[in-house]
Amino acid sequence: MQTANAIIIQPVKDEKSCKDLVKDSKKGPAIKTNTSFLKQIIKNNKRKAVAHWVPNVFSNLVGSFYEKAETIQVFWKIIKQCNRLVDYSTNKKAFTRELEIAIGTKVFKEFAMKVKNGVKRY
């Protein structure tokens, strides 16, 4: 699974003005950042891992549109709710796991296209 983490490095603002920095330093008005601040930004940008019961194919697809792991898991719960038990004595469901994943990915692709095209939801 490939994830793209954007690292945003922002300088920490001192209360000194740039003119004071030029007078104080010999090299120029460079603003110093501490490493703990940068580590915190990198840590906050990482997406939490999706639960083990969500298939990788589905989480990769939905993960390209939605960032939060909870959102991805909610989409999969909705798909799981549609696969009802057919035979309660044998716990047989209407669809197999592979068919469930195929239906889920197809439904999400159609949902993404409708959102992209701006279809109104009532």
PDB file of N, CA and C in Angstrom:
ATOM      1  N   MET A   1       0.843  -1.162   0.000  1.00  0.00           N
ATOM      2  CA  MET A   1       0.000   0.000   0.000  1.00  0.00           C
ATOM      3  C   MET A   1       0.887   1.224   0.000  1.00  0.00           C
ATOM      4  N   GLN A   2       0.676   2.099  -0.944  1.00  0.00           N
ATOM      5  CA  GLN A   2       1.449   3.319  -1.029  1.00  0.00           C
ATOM      6  C   GLN A   2       0.647   4.461  -0.425  1.00  0.00           C
ATOM      7  N   THR A   3       1.315   5.240   0.382  1.00  0.00           N
ATOM      8  CA  THR A   3       0.676   6.421   0.920  1.00  0.00           C
ATOM      9  C   THR A   3       1.555   7.616   0.634  1.00  0.00           C
ATOM     10  N   ALA A   4       0.931   8.714   0.358  1.00  0.00           N
ATOM     11  CA  ALA A   4       1.679   9.936   0.100  1.00  0.00           C
ATOM     12  C   ALA A   4       1.485  10.876   1.277  1.00  0.00           C
ATOM     13  N   ASN A   5       2.572  11.172   1.950  1.00  0.00           N
ATOM     14  CA  ASN A   5       2.520  12.089   3.077  1.00  0.00           C
ATOM     15  C   ASN A   5       3.176  13.393   2.674  1.00  0.00           C
ATOM     16  N   ALA A   6       2.420  14.442   2.740  1.00  0.00           N
ATOM     17  CA  ALA A   6       2.961  15.756   2.427  1.00  0.00           C
ATOM     18  C   ALA A   6       3.567  16.338   3.699  1.00  0.00           C
ATOM     19  N   ILE A   7       4.798  16.782   3.605  1.00  0.00           N
ATOM     20  CA  ILE A   7       5.478  17.368   4.744  1.00  0.00           C
ATOM     21  C   ILE A   7       5.509  18.865   4.535  1.00  0.00           C
ATOM     22  N   ILE A   8       4.915  19.560   5.461  1.00  0.00           N
ATOM     23  CA  ILE A   8       4.867  21.012   5.391  1.00  0.00           C
ATOM     24  C   ILE A   8       5.804  21.542   6.465  1.00  0.00           C
ATOM     25  N   ILE A   9       6.827  22.245   6.037  1.00  0.00           N
ATOM     26  CA  ILE A   9       7.794  22.805   6.972  1.00  0.00           C
ATOM     27  C   ILE A   9       7.515  24.292   7.070  1.00  0.00           C
ATOM     28  N   GLN A  10       7.090  24.690   8.259  1.00  0.00           N
ATOM     29  CA  GLN A  10       6.782  26.077   8.495  1.00  0.00           C
ATOM     30  C   GLN A  10       7.731  26.606   9.566  1.00  0.00           C
ATOM     31  N   PRO A  11       8.275  27.780   9.362  1.00  0.00           N
ATOM     32  CA  PRO A  11       9.201  28.319  10.355  1.00  0.00           C
ATOM     33  C   PRO A  11       8.460  28.748  11.617  1.00  0.00           C
ATOM     34  N   VAL A  12       9.152  28.635  12.729  1.00  0.00           N
ATOM     35  CA  VAL A  12       8.606  29.091  13.994  1.00  0.00           C
ATOM     36  C   VAL A  12       8.892  30.574  14.102  1.00  0.00           C
ATOM     37  N   LYS A  13       7.871  31.373  14.368  1.00  0.00           N
ATOM     38  CA  LYS A  13       8.039  32.812  14.420  1.00  0.00           C
ATOM     39  C   LYS A  13       8.546  33.223  15.798  1.00  0.00           C
ATOM     40  N   ASP A  14       9.625  33.965  15.800  1.00  0.00           N
ATOM     41  CA  ASP A  14      10.133  34.553  17.026  1.00  0.00           C
ATOM     42  C   ASP A  14       9.472  35.909  17.208  1.00  0.00           C
ATOM     43  N   GLU A  15       9.547  36.412  18.403  1.00  0.00           N
ATOM     44  CA  GLU A  15       8.975  37.722  18.654  1.00  0.00           C
ATOM     45  C   GLU A  15       9.887  38.833  18.152  1.00  0.00           C
ATOM     46  N   LYS A  16      11.111  38.487  17.778  1.00  0.00           N
ATOM     47  CA  LYS A  16      12.033  39.477  17.233  1.00  0.00           C
ATOM     48  C   LYS A  16      11.649  39.793  15.794  1.00  0.00           C
ATOM     49  N   SER A  17      11.892  40.970  15.377  1.00  0.00           N
ATOM     50  CA  SER A  17      11.633  41.326  13.987  1.00  0.00           C
ATOM     51  C   SER A  17      12.833  40.914  13.135  1.00  0.00           C
ATOM     52  N   CYS A  18      12.663  40.951  11.834  1.00  0.00           N
ATOM     53  CA  CYS A  18      13.750  40.580  10.924  1.00  0.00           C
ATOM     54  C   CYS A  18      14.929  41.528  11.059  1.00  0.00           C
ATOM     55  N   LYS A  19      14.672  42.788  11.381  1.00  0.00           N
ATOM     56  CA  LYS A  19      15.756  43.749  11.541  1.00  0.00           C
ATOM     57  C   LYS A  19      16.640  43.383  12.725  1.00  0.00           C
ATOM     58  N   ASP A  20      16.010  42.907  13.808  1.00  0.00           N
ATOM     59  CA  ASP A  20      16.779  42.489  14.974  1.00  0.00           C
ATOM     60  C   ASP A  20      17.621  41.262  14.657  1.00  0.00           C
ATOM     61  N   LEU A  21      17.090  40.357  13.824  1.00  0.00           N
ATOM     62  CA  LEU A  21      17.829  39.153  13.465  1.00  0.00           C
ATOM     63  C   LEU A  21      19.058  39.501  12.630  1.00  0.00           C
ATOM     64  N   VAL A  22      18.941  40.479  11.758  1.00  0.00           N
ATOM     65  CA  VAL A  22      20.069  40.878  10.928  1.00  0.00           C
ATOM     66  C   VAL A  22      21.173  41.458  11.802  1.00  0.00           C
ATOM     67  N   LYS A  23      20.803  42.232  12.785  1.00  0.00           N
ATOM     68  CA  LYS A  23      21.792  42.830  13.675  1.00  0.00           C
ATOM     69  C   LYS A  23      22.454  41.778  14.560  1.00  0.00           C
ATOM     70  N   ASP A  24      21.682  40.766  14.998  1.00  0.00           N
ATOM     71  CA  ASP A  24      22.201  39.770  15.936  1.00  0.00           C
ATOM     72  C   ASP A  24      23.067  38.712  15.255  1.00  0.00           C
ATOM     73  N   SER A  25      22.730  38.312  14.057  1.00  0.00           N
ATOM     74  CA  SER A  25      23.469  37.224  13.421  1.00  0.00           C
ATOM     75  C   SER A  25      24.394  37.762  12.335  1.00  0.00           C
ATOM     76  N   LYS A  26      25.429  37.009  12.088  1.00  0.00           N
ATOM     77  CA  LYS A  26      26.408  37.414  11.073  1.00  0.00           C
ATOM     78  C   LYS A  26      26.020  36.911   9.682  1.00  0.00           C
ATOM     79  N   LYS A  27      25.250  35.792   9.628  1.00  0.00           N
ATOM     80  CA  LYS A  27      24.930  35.171   8.352  1.00  0.00           C
ATOM     81  C   LYS A  27      23.704  35.764   7.682  1.00  0.00           C
ATOM     82  N   GLY A  28      22.752  36.280   8.431  1.00  0.00           N
ATOM     83  CA  GLY A  28      21.557  36.834   7.812  1.00  0.00           C
ATOM     84  C   GLY A  28      20.323  36.514   8.632  1.00  0.00           C
ATOM     85  N   PRO A  29      19.160  36.872   8.109  1.00  0.00           N
ATOM     86  CA  PRO A  29      17.928  36.719   8.884  1.00  0.00           C
ATOM     87  C   PRO A  29      17.312  35.324   8.777  1.00  0.00           C
ATOM     88  N   ALA A  30      18.052  34.273   9.053  1.00  0.00           N
ATOM     89  CA  ALA A  30      17.519  32.914   9.008  1.00  0.00           C
ATOM     90  C   ALA A  30      16.724  32.648  10.280  1.00  0.00           C
ATOM     91  N   ILE A  31      15.536  32.105  10.115  1.00  0.00           N
ATOM     92  CA  ILE A  31      14.695  31.783  11.260  1.00  0.00           C
ATOM     93  C   ILE A  31      14.951  30.330  11.630  1.00  0.00           C
ATOM     94  N   LYS A  32      15.227  30.094  12.894  1.00  0.00           N
ATOM     95  CA  LYS A  32      15.560  28.752  13.344  1.00  0.00           C
ATOM     96  C   LYS A  32      14.293  27.986  13.703  1.00  0.00           C
ATOM     97  N   THR A  33      14.280  26.700  13.345  1.00  0.00           N
ATOM     98  CA  THR A  33      13.180  25.826  13.729  1.00  0.00           C
ATOM     99  C   THR A  33      13.751  24.704  14.570  1.00  0.00           C
ATOM    100  N   ASN A  34      12.966  24.256  15.504  1.00  0.00           N
ATOM    101  CA  ASN A  34      13.430  23.136  16.317  1.00  0.00           C
ATOM    102  C   ASN A  34      12.915  21.830  15.730  1.00  0.00           C
ATOM    103  N   THR A  35      13.635  20.747  15.951  1.00  0.00           N
ATOM    104  CA  THR A  35      13.293  19.463  15.332  1.00  0.00           C
ATOM    105  C   THR A  35      12.048  18.846  15.937  1.00  0.00           C
ATOM    106  N   SER A  36      11.757  19.108  17.193  1.00  0.00           N
ATOM    107  CA  SER A  36      10.558  18.519  17.796  1.00  0.00           C
ATOM    108  C   SER A  36       9.297  19.079  17.142  1.00  0.00           C
ATOM    109  N   PHE A  37       9.328  20.352  16.754  1.00  0.00           N
ATOM    110  CA  PHE A  37       8.194  20.956  16.064  1.00  0.00           C
ATOM    111  C   PHE A  37       7.983  20.301  14.699  1.00  0.00           C
ATOM    112  N   LEU A  38       9.065  20.045  13.967  1.00  0.00           N
ATOM    113  CA  LEU A  38       8.965  19.410  12.650  1.00  0.00           C
ATOM    114  C   LEU A  38       8.482  17.971  12.770  1.00  0.00           C
ATOM    115  N   LYS A  39       8.938  17.257  13.791  1.00  0.00           N
ATOM    116  CA  LYS A  39       8.489  15.877  14.002  1.00  0.00           C
ATOM    117  C   LYS A  39       6.999  15.836  14.299  1.00  0.00           C
ATOM    118  N   GLN A  40       6.501  16.827  15.024  1.00  0.00           N
ATOM    119  CA  GLN A  40       5.086  16.885  15.346  1.00  0.00           C
ATOM    120  C   GLN A  40       4.252  17.092  14.082  1.00  0.00           C
ATOM    121  N   ILE A  41       4.705  17.918  13.155  1.00  0.00           N
ATOM    122  CA  ILE A  41       3.981  18.141  11.910  1.00  0.00           C
ATOM    123  C   ILE A  41       3.946  16.856  11.082  1.00  0.00           C
ATOM    124  N   ILE A  42       5.063  16.153  10.987  1.00  0.00           N
ATOM    125  CA  ILE A  42       5.117  14.910  10.228  1.00  0.00           C
ATOM    126  C   ILE A  42       4.206  13.863  10.867  1.00  0.00           C
ATOM    127  N   LYS A  43       4.196  13.790  12.175  1.00  0.00           N
ATOM    128  CA  LYS A  43       3.373  12.823  12.896  1.00  0.00           C
ATOM    129  C   LYS A  43       1.889  13.090  12.667  1.00  0.00           C
ATOM    130  N   ASN A  44       1.484  14.345  12.635  1.00  0.00           N
ATOM    131  CA  ASN A  44       0.084  14.694  12.453  1.00  0.00           C
ATOM    132  C   ASN A  44      -0.400  14.456  11.028  1.00  0.00           C
ATOM    133  N   ASN A  45       0.500  14.423  10.046  1.00  0.00           N
ATOM    134  CA  ASN A  45       0.101  14.232   8.655  1.00  0.00           C
ATOM    135  C   ASN A  45      -0.123  12.771   8.288  1.00  0.00           C
ATOM    136  N   LYS A  46       0.359  11.847   9.095  1.00  0.00           N
ATOM    137  CA  LYS A  46       0.213  10.437   8.763  1.00  0.00           C
ATOM    138  C   LYS A  46      -1.221   9.983   9.016  1.00  0.00           C
ATOM    139  N   ARG A  47      -1.752   9.178   8.083  1.00  0.00           N
ATOM    140  CA  ARG A  47      -3.097   8.660   8.229  1.00  0.00           C
ATOM    141  C   ARG A  47      -3.054   7.430   9.125  1.00  0.00           C
ATOM    142  N   LYS A  48      -4.034   7.310   9.987  1.00  0.00           N
ATOM    143  CA  LYS A  48      -4.110   6.143  10.848  1.00  0.00           C
ATOM    144  C   LYS A  48      -4.401   4.917   9.991  1.00  0.00           C
ATOM    145  N   ALA A  49      -3.969   3.768  10.465  1.00  0.00           N
ATOM    146  CA  ALA A  49      -4.173   2.534   9.720  1.00  0.00           C
ATOM    147  C   ALA A  49      -5.655   2.161   9.730  1.00  0.00           C
ATOM    148  N   VAL A  50      -6.116   1.669   8.608  1.00  0.00           N
ATOM    149  CA  VAL A  50      -7.497   1.214   8.489  1.00  0.00           C
ATOM    150  C   VAL A  50      -7.608  -0.136   9.187  1.00  0.00           C
ATOM    151  N   ALA A  51      -8.757  -0.428   9.728  1.00  0.00           N
ATOM    152  CA  ALA A  51      -8.983  -1.673  10.461  1.00  0.00           C
ATOM    153  C   ALA A  51      -8.705  -2.894   9.588  1.00  0.00           C
ATOM    154  N   HIS A  52      -8.360  -3.990  10.241  1.00  0.00           N
ATOM    155  CA  HIS A  52      -7.967  -5.213   9.522  1.00  0.00           C
ATOM    156  C   HIS A  52      -9.112  -5.842   8.753  1.00  0.00           C
ATOM    157  N   TRP A  53     -10.349  -5.555   9.117  1.00  0.00           N
ATOM    158  CA  TRP A  53     -11.484  -6.199   8.462  1.00  0.00           C
ATOM    159  C   TRP A  53     -11.907  -5.495   7.174  1.00  0.00           C
ATOM    160  N   VAL A  54     -11.274  -4.381   6.838  1.00  0.00           N
ATOM    161  CA  VAL A  54     -11.549  -3.693   5.568  1.00  0.00           C
ATOM    162  C   VAL A  54     -10.553  -4.212   4.530  1.00  0.00           C
ATOM    163  N   PRO A  55     -11.025  -4.712   3.392  1.00  0.00           N
ATOM    164  CA  PRO A  55     -10.108  -5.234   2.373  1.00  0.00           C
ATOM    165  C   PRO A  55      -9.164  -4.155   1.843  1.00  0.00           C
ATOM    166  N   ASN A  56      -7.938  -4.561   1.527  1.00  0.00           N
ATOM    167  CA  ASN A  56      -6.925  -3.620   1.039  1.00  0.00           C
ATOM    168  C   ASN A  56      -7.335  -2.956  -0.275  1.00  0.00           C
ATOM    169  N   VAL A  57      -7.959  -3.705  -1.161  1.00  0.00           N
ATOM    170  CA  VAL A  57      -8.377  -3.157  -2.452  1.00  0.00           C
ATOM    171  C   VAL A  57      -9.353  -2.002  -2.224  1.00  0.00           C
ATOM    172  N   PHE A  58     -10.304  -2.215  -1.337  1.00  0.00           N
ATOM    173  CA  PHE A  58     -11.307  -1.196  -1.057  1.00  0.00           C
ATOM    174  C   PHE A  58     -10.700   0.001  -0.325  1.00  0.00           C
ATOM    175  N   SER A  59      -9.848  -0.270   0.664  1.00  0.00           N
ATOM    176  CA  SER A  59      -9.251   0.839   1.426  1.00  0.00           C
ATOM    177  C   SER A  59      -8.320   1.679   0.561  1.00  0.00           C
ATOM    178  N   ASN A  60      -7.618   1.065  -0.389  1.00  0.00           N
ATOM    179  CA  ASN A  60      -6.762   1.832  -1.300  1.00  0.00           C
ATOM    180  C   ASN A  60      -7.594   2.732  -2.213  1.00  0.00           C
ATOM    181  N   LEU A  61      -8.711   2.208  -2.693  1.00  0.00           N
ATOM    182  CA  LEU A  61      -9.579   2.982  -3.573  1.00  0.00           C
ATOM    183  C   LEU A  61     -10.195   4.165  -2.829  1.00  0.00           C
ATOM    184  N   VAL A  62     -10.803   3.890  -1.696  1.00  0.00           N
ATOM    185  CA  VAL A  62     -11.476   4.947  -0.937  1.00  0.00           C
ATOM    186  C   VAL A  62     -10.448   5.899  -0.324  1.00  0.00           C
ATOM    187  N   GLY A  63      -9.271   5.388   0.012  1.00  0.00           N
ATOM    188  CA  GLY A  63      -8.226   6.213   0.596  1.00  0.00           C
ATOM    189  C   GLY A  63      -7.703   7.282  -0.333  1.00  0.00           C
ATOM    190  N   SER A  64      -7.893   7.097  -1.634  1.00  0.00           N
ATOM    191  CA  SER A  64      -7.467   8.125  -2.571  1.00  0.00           C
ATOM    192  C   SER A  64      -8.443   9.302  -2.610  1.00  0.00           C
ATOM    193  N   PHE A  65      -9.655   9.114  -2.084  1.00  0.00           N
ATOM    194  CA  PHE A  65     -10.647  10.184  -2.039  1.00  0.00           C
ATOM    195  C   PHE A  65     -10.834  10.748  -0.638  1.00  0.00           C
ATOM    196  N   TYR A  66     -10.765   9.884   0.366  1.00  0.00           N
ATOM    197  CA  TYR A  66     -10.989  10.288   1.749  1.00  0.00           C
ATOM    198  C   TYR A  66      -9.767   9.946   2.583  1.00  0.00           C
ATOM    199  N   GLU A  67      -9.383  10.864   3.469  1.00  0.00           N
ATOM    200  CA  GLU A  67      -8.138  10.712   4.207  1.00  0.00           C
ATOM    201  C   GLU A  67      -8.302   9.948   5.510  1.00  0.00           C
ATOM    202  N   LYS A  68      -9.394  10.136   6.214  1.00  0.00           N
ATOM    203  CA  LYS A  68      -9.568   9.545   7.541  1.00  0.00           C
ATOM    204  C   LYS A  68      -9.899   8.062   7.458  1.00  0.00           C
ATOM    205  N   ALA A  69      -9.283   7.295   8.352  1.00  0.00           N
ATOM    206  CA  ALA A  69      -9.516   5.855   8.392  1.00  0.00           C
ATOM    207  C   ALA A  69     -10.952   5.546   8.808  1.00  0.00           C
ATOM    208  N   GLU A  70     -11.510   6.369   9.678  1.00  0.00           N
ATOM    209  CA  GLU A  70     -12.884   6.147  10.139  1.00  0.00           C
ATOM    210  C   GLU A  70     -13.879   6.258   8.988  1.00  0.00           C
ATOM    211  N   THR A  71     -13.636   7.174   8.073  1.00  0.00           N
ATOM    212  CA  THR A  71     -14.517   7.352   6.917  1.00  0.00           C
ATOM    213  C   THR A  71     -14.478   6.127   6.017  1.00  0.00           C
ATOM    214  N   ILE A  72     -13.286   5.591   5.799  1.00  0.00           N
ATOM    215  CA  ILE A  72     -13.128   4.398   4.967  1.00  0.00           C
ATOM    216  C   ILE A  72     -13.860   3.224   5.598  1.00  0.00           C
ATOM    217  N   GLN A  73     -13.735   3.091   6.900  1.00  0.00           N
ATOM    218  CA  GLN A  73     -14.395   1.990   7.612  1.00  0.00           C
ATOM    219  C   GLN A  73     -15.910   2.124   7.574  1.00  0.00           C
ATOM    220  N   VAL A  74     -16.429   3.336   7.626  1.00  0.00           N
ATOM    221  CA  VAL A  74     -17.879   3.541   7.548  1.00  0.00           C
ATOM    222  C   VAL A  74     -18.400   3.136   6.173  1.00  0.00           C
ATOM    223  N   PHE A  75     -17.675   3.476   5.121  1.00  0.00           N
ATOM    224  CA  PHE A  75     -18.083   3.043   3.781  1.00  0.00           C
ATOM    225  C   PHE A  75     -18.139   1.518   3.686  1.00  0.00           C
ATOM    226  N   TRP A  76     -17.149   0.840   4.261  1.00  0.00           N
ATOM    227  CA  TRP A  76     -17.147  -0.626   4.192  1.00  0.00           C
ATOM    228  C   TRP A  76     -18.278  -1.212   5.044  1.00  0.00           C
ATOM    229  N   LYS A  77     -18.609  -0.602   6.178  1.00  0.00           N
ATOM    230  CA  LYS A  77     -19.717  -1.076   7.013  1.00  0.00           C
ATOM    231  C   LYS A  77     -21.031  -1.008   6.247  1.00  0.00           C
ATOM    232  N   ILE A  78     -21.199   0.054   5.460  1.00  0.00           N
ATOM    233  CA  ILE A  78     -22.424   0.197   4.664  1.00  0.00           C
ATOM    234  C   ILE A  78     -22.529  -0.937   3.652  1.00  0.00           C
ATOM    235  N   ILE A  79     -21.421  -1.276   3.025  1.00  0.00           N
ATOM    236  CA  ILE A  79     -21.422  -2.372   2.042  1.00  0.00           C
ATOM    237  C   ILE A  79     -21.692  -3.702   2.734  1.00  0.00           C
ATOM    238  N   LYS A  80     -21.089  -3.891   3.911  1.00  0.00           N
ATOM    239  CA  LYS A  80     -21.307  -5.139   4.655  1.00  0.00           C
ATOM    240  C   LYS A  80     -22.766  -5.288   5.074  1.00  0.00           C
ATOM    241  N   GLN A  81     -23.444  -4.190   5.395  1.00  0.00           N
ATOM    242  CA  GLN A  81     -24.839  -4.253   5.811  1.00  0.00           C
ATOM    243  C   GLN A  81     -25.756  -4.676   4.670  1.00  0.00           C
ATOM    244  N   CYS A  82     -25.336  -4.421   3.446  1.00  0.00           N
ATOM    245  CA  CYS A  82     -26.144  -4.808   2.289  1.00  0.00           C
ATOM    246  C   CYS A  82     -26.061  -6.304   2.002  1.00  0.00           C
ATOM    247  N   ASN A  83     -25.041  -6.968   2.510  1.00  0.00           N
ATOM    248  CA  ASN A  83     -24.871  -8.409   2.296  1.00  0.00           C
ATOM    249  C   ASN A  83     -25.529  -9.146   3.467  1.00  0.00           C
ATOM    250  N   ARG A  84     -26.810  -9.365   3.355  1.00  0.00           N
ATOM    251  CA  ARG A  84     -27.604  -9.975   4.428  1.00  0.00           C
ATOM    252  C   ARG A  84     -27.495 -11.498   4.428  1.00  0.00           C
ATOM    253  N   LEU A  85     -27.867 -12.075   5.568  1.00  0.00           N
ATOM    254  CA  LEU A  85     -27.925 -13.521   5.676  1.00  0.00           C
ATOM    255  C   LEU A  85     -29.110 -14.044   4.869  1.00  0.00           C
ATOM    256  N   VAL A  86     -28.856 -15.114   4.113  1.00  0.00           N
ATOM    257  CA  VAL A  86     -29.911 -15.737   3.320  1.00  0.00           C
ATOM    258  C   VAL A  86     -30.462 -16.940   4.067  1.00  0.00           C
ATOM    259  N   ASP A  87     -29.558 -17.725   4.631  1.00  0.00           N
ATOM    260  CA  ASP A  87     -29.952 -18.936   5.350  1.00  0.00           C
ATOM    261  C   ASP A  87     -29.401 -18.838   6.774  1.00  0.00           C
ATOM    262  N   TYR A  88     -30.287 -18.646   7.738  1.00  0.00           N
ATOM    263  CA  TYR A  88     -29.853 -18.467   9.111  1.00  0.00           C
ATOM    264  C   TYR A  88     -29.306 -19.748   9.736  1.00  0.00           C
ATOM    265  N   SER A  89     -29.719 -20.916   9.247  1.00  0.00           N
ATOM    266  CA  SER A  89     -29.236 -22.174   9.830  1.00  0.00           C
ATOM    267  C   SER A  89     -27.769 -22.432   9.479  1.00  0.00           C
ATOM    268  N   THR A  90     -27.343 -22.008   8.296  1.00  0.00           N
ATOM    269  CA  THR A  90     -25.949 -22.221   7.884  1.00  0.00           C
ATOM    270  C   THR A  90     -25.130 -20.934   7.883  1.00  0.00           C
ATOM    271  N   ASN A  91     -25.750 -19.808   8.238  1.00  0.00           N
ATOM    272  CA  ASN A  91     -25.100 -18.488   8.200  1.00  0.00           C
ATOM    273  C   ASN A  91     -24.563 -18.135   6.822  1.00  0.00           C
ATOM    274  N   LYS A  92     -25.290 -18.576   5.796  1.00  0.00           N
ATOM    275  CA  LYS A  92     -24.884 -18.275   4.430  1.00  0.00           C
ATOM    276  C   LYS A  92     -25.379 -16.891   4.047  1.00  0.00           C
ATOM    277  N   LYS A  93     -24.485 -16.101   3.441  1.00  0.00           N
ATOM    278  CA  LYS A  93     -24.831 -14.746   3.009  1.00  0.00           C
ATOM    279  C   LYS A  93     -25.165 -14.736   1.524  1.00  0.00           C
ATOM    280  N   ALA A  94     -25.726 -13.636   1.064  1.00  0.00           N
ATOM    281  CA  ALA A  94     -26.160 -13.516  -0.324  1.00  0.00           C
ATOM    282  C   ALA A  94     -24.978 -13.494  -1.287  1.00  0.00           C
ATOM    283  N   PHE A  95     -23.857 -12.856  -0.895  1.00  0.00           N
ATOM    284  CA  PHE A  95     -22.699 -12.734  -1.776  1.00  0.00           C
ATOM    285  C   PHE A  95     -21.465 -13.328  -1.117  1.00  0.00           C
ATOM    286  N   THR A  96     -20.546 -13.818  -1.947  1.00  0.00           N
ATOM    287  CA  THR A  96     -19.255 -14.277  -1.426  1.00  0.00           C
ATOM    288  C   THR A  96     -18.384 -13.063  -1.119  1.00  0.00           C
ATOM    289  N   ARG A  97     -17.265 -13.291  -0.456  1.00  0.00           N
ATOM    290  CA  ARG A  97     -16.350 -12.192  -0.088  1.00  0.00           C
ATOM    291  C   ARG A  97     -15.814 -11.489  -1.337  1.00  0.00           C
ATOM    292  N   GLU A  98     -15.425 -12.249  -2.369  1.00  0.00           N
ATOM    293  CA  GLU A  98     -14.885 -11.663  -3.593  1.00  0.00           C
ATOM    294  C   GLU A  98     -15.934 -10.826  -4.319  1.00  0.00           C
ATOM    295  N   LEU A  99     -17.159 -11.335  -4.366  1.00  0.00           N
ATOM    296  CA  LEU A  99     -18.238 -10.599  -5.025  1.00  0.00           C
ATOM    297  C   LEU A  99     -18.601  -9.349  -4.225  1.00  0.00           C
ATOM    298  N   GLU A 100     -18.528  -9.453  -2.913  1.00  0.00           N
ATOM    299  CA  GLU A 100     -18.796  -8.309  -2.048  1.00  0.00           C
ATOM    300  C   GLU A 100     -17.778  -7.184  -2.289  1.00  0.00           C
ATOM    301  N   ILE A 101     -16.508  -7.541  -2.427  1.00  0.00           N
ATOM    302  CA  ILE A 101     -15.459  -6.557  -2.704  1.00  0.00           C
ATOM    303  C   ILE A 101     -15.665  -5.932  -4.082  1.00  0.00           C
ATOM    304  N   ALA A 102     -16.000  -6.767  -5.077  1.00  0.00           N
ATOM    305  CA  ALA A 102     -16.231  -6.257  -6.435  1.00  0.00           C
ATOM    306  C   ALA A 102     -17.409  -5.289  -6.472  1.00  0.00           C
ATOM    307  N   ILE A 103     -18.483  -5.643  -5.790  1.00  0.00           N
ATOM    308  CA  ILE A 103     -19.661  -4.764  -5.754  1.00  0.00           C
ATOM    309  C   ILE A 103     -19.316  -3.470  -5.015  1.00  0.00           C
ATOM    310  N   GLY A 104     -18.600  -3.591  -3.906  1.00  0.00           N
ATOM    311  CA  GLY A 104     -18.236  -2.414  -3.116  1.00  0.00           C
ATOM    312  C   GLY A 104     -17.377  -1.430  -3.885  1.00  0.00           C
ATOM    313  N   THR A 105     -16.386  -1.933  -4.615  1.00  0.00           N
ATOM    314  CA  THR A 105     -15.525  -1.037  -5.390  1.00  0.00           C
ATOM    315  C   THR A 105     -16.295  -0.382  -6.538  1.00  0.00           C
ATOM    316  N   LYS A 106     -17.172  -1.154  -7.178  1.00  0.00           N
ATOM    317  CA  LYS A 106     -17.954  -0.587  -8.279  1.00  0.00           C
ATOM    318  C   LYS A 106     -18.918   0.487  -7.776  1.00  0.00           C
ATOM    319  N   VAL A 107     -19.560   0.224  -6.652  1.00  0.00           N
ATOM    320  CA  VAL A 107     -20.496   1.198  -6.085  1.00  0.00           C
ATOM    321  C   VAL A 107     -19.760   2.465  -5.680  1.00  0.00           C
ATOM    322  N   PHE A 108     -18.572   2.318  -5.081  1.00  0.00           N
ATOM    323  CA  PHE A 108     -17.847   3.511  -4.673  1.00  0.00           C
ATOM    324  C   PHE A 108     -17.363   4.313  -5.876  1.00  0.00           C
ATOM    325  N   LYS A 109     -16.964   3.647  -6.937  1.00  0.00           N
ATOM    326  CA  LYS A 109     -16.554   4.366  -8.149  1.00  0.00           C
ATOM    327  C   LYS A 109     -17.714   5.173  -8.710  1.00  0.00           C
ATOM    328  N   GLU A 110     -18.917   4.578  -8.715  1.00  0.00           N
ATOM    329  CA  GLU A 110     -20.095   5.305  -9.196  1.00  0.00           C
ATOM    330  C   GLU A 110     -20.422   6.478  -8.273  1.00  0.00           C
ATOM    331  N   PHE A 111     -20.276   6.270  -6.965  1.00  0.00           N
ATOM    332  CA  PHE A 111     -20.512   7.347  -6.006  1.00  0.00           C
ATOM    333  C   PHE A 111     -19.531   8.498  -6.227  1.00  0.00           C
ATOM    334  N   ALA A 112     -18.263   8.174  -6.456  1.00  0.00           N
ATOM    335  CA  ALA A 112     -17.246   9.201  -6.682  1.00  0.00           C
ATOM    336  C   ALA A 112     -17.535   9.995  -7.948  1.00  0.00           C
ATOM    337  N   MET A 113     -17.999   9.318  -8.998  1.00  0.00           N
ATOM    338  CA  MET A 113     -18.329  10.018 -10.232  1.00  0.00           C
ATOM    339  C   MET A 113     -19.527  10.947 -10.039  1.00  0.00           C
ATOM    340  N   LYS A 114     -20.509  10.520  -9.244  1.00  0.00           N
ATOM    341  CA  LYS A 114     -21.670  11.381  -8.995  1.00  0.00           C
ATOM    342  C   LYS A 114     -21.269  12.604  -8.183  1.00  0.00           C
ATOM    343  N   VAL A 115     -20.407  12.420  -7.203  1.00  0.00           N
ATOM    344  CA  VAL A 115     -19.934  13.557  -6.412  1.00  0.00           C
ATOM    345  C   VAL A 115     -19.136  14.505  -7.294  1.00  0.00           C
ATOM    346  N   LYS A 116     -18.303  13.941  -8.162  1.00  0.00           N
ATOM    347  CA  LYS A 116     -17.479  14.758  -9.056  1.00  0.00           C
ATOM    348  C   LYS A 116     -18.343  15.556 -10.029  1.00  0.00           C
ATOM    349  N   ASN A 117     -19.429  14.948 -10.515  1.00  0.00           N
ATOM    350  CA  ASN A 117     -20.305  15.626 -11.454  1.00  0.00           C
ATOM    351  C   ASN A 117     -21.285  16.577 -10.776  1.00  0.00           C
ATOM    352  N   GLY A 118     -21.320  16.573  -9.447  1.00  0.00           N
ATOM    353  CA  GLY A 118     -22.172  17.498  -8.718  1.00  0.00           C
ATOM    354  C   GLY A 118     -23.628  17.108  -8.659  1.00  0.00           C
ATOM    355  N   VAL A 119     -23.930  15.812  -8.654  1.00  0.00           N
ATOM    356  CA  VAL A 119     -25.316  15.361  -8.550  1.00  0.00           C
ATOM    357  C   VAL A 119     -25.833  15.691  -7.150  1.00  0.00           C
ATOM    358  N   LYS A 120     -27.015  16.261  -7.075  1.00  0.00           N
ATOM    359  CA  LYS A 120     -27.589  16.643  -5.782  1.00  0.00           C
ATOM    360  C   LYS A 120     -28.064  15.400  -5.038  1.00  0.00           C
ATOM    361  N   ARG A 121     -27.771  15.395  -3.738  1.00  0.00           N
ATOM    362  CA  ARG A 121     -28.228  14.307  -2.874  1.00  0.00           C
ATOM    363  C   ARG A 121     -29.341  14.835  -2.000  1.00  0.00           C
ATOM    364  N   TYR A 122     -30.456  14.136  -1.948  1.00  0.00           N
ATOM    365  CA  TYR A 122     -31.606  14.595  -1.164  1.00  0.00           C
ATOM    366  C   TYR A 122     -31.697  13.853   0.129  1.00  0.00           C
TER     367      TYR A 122
END
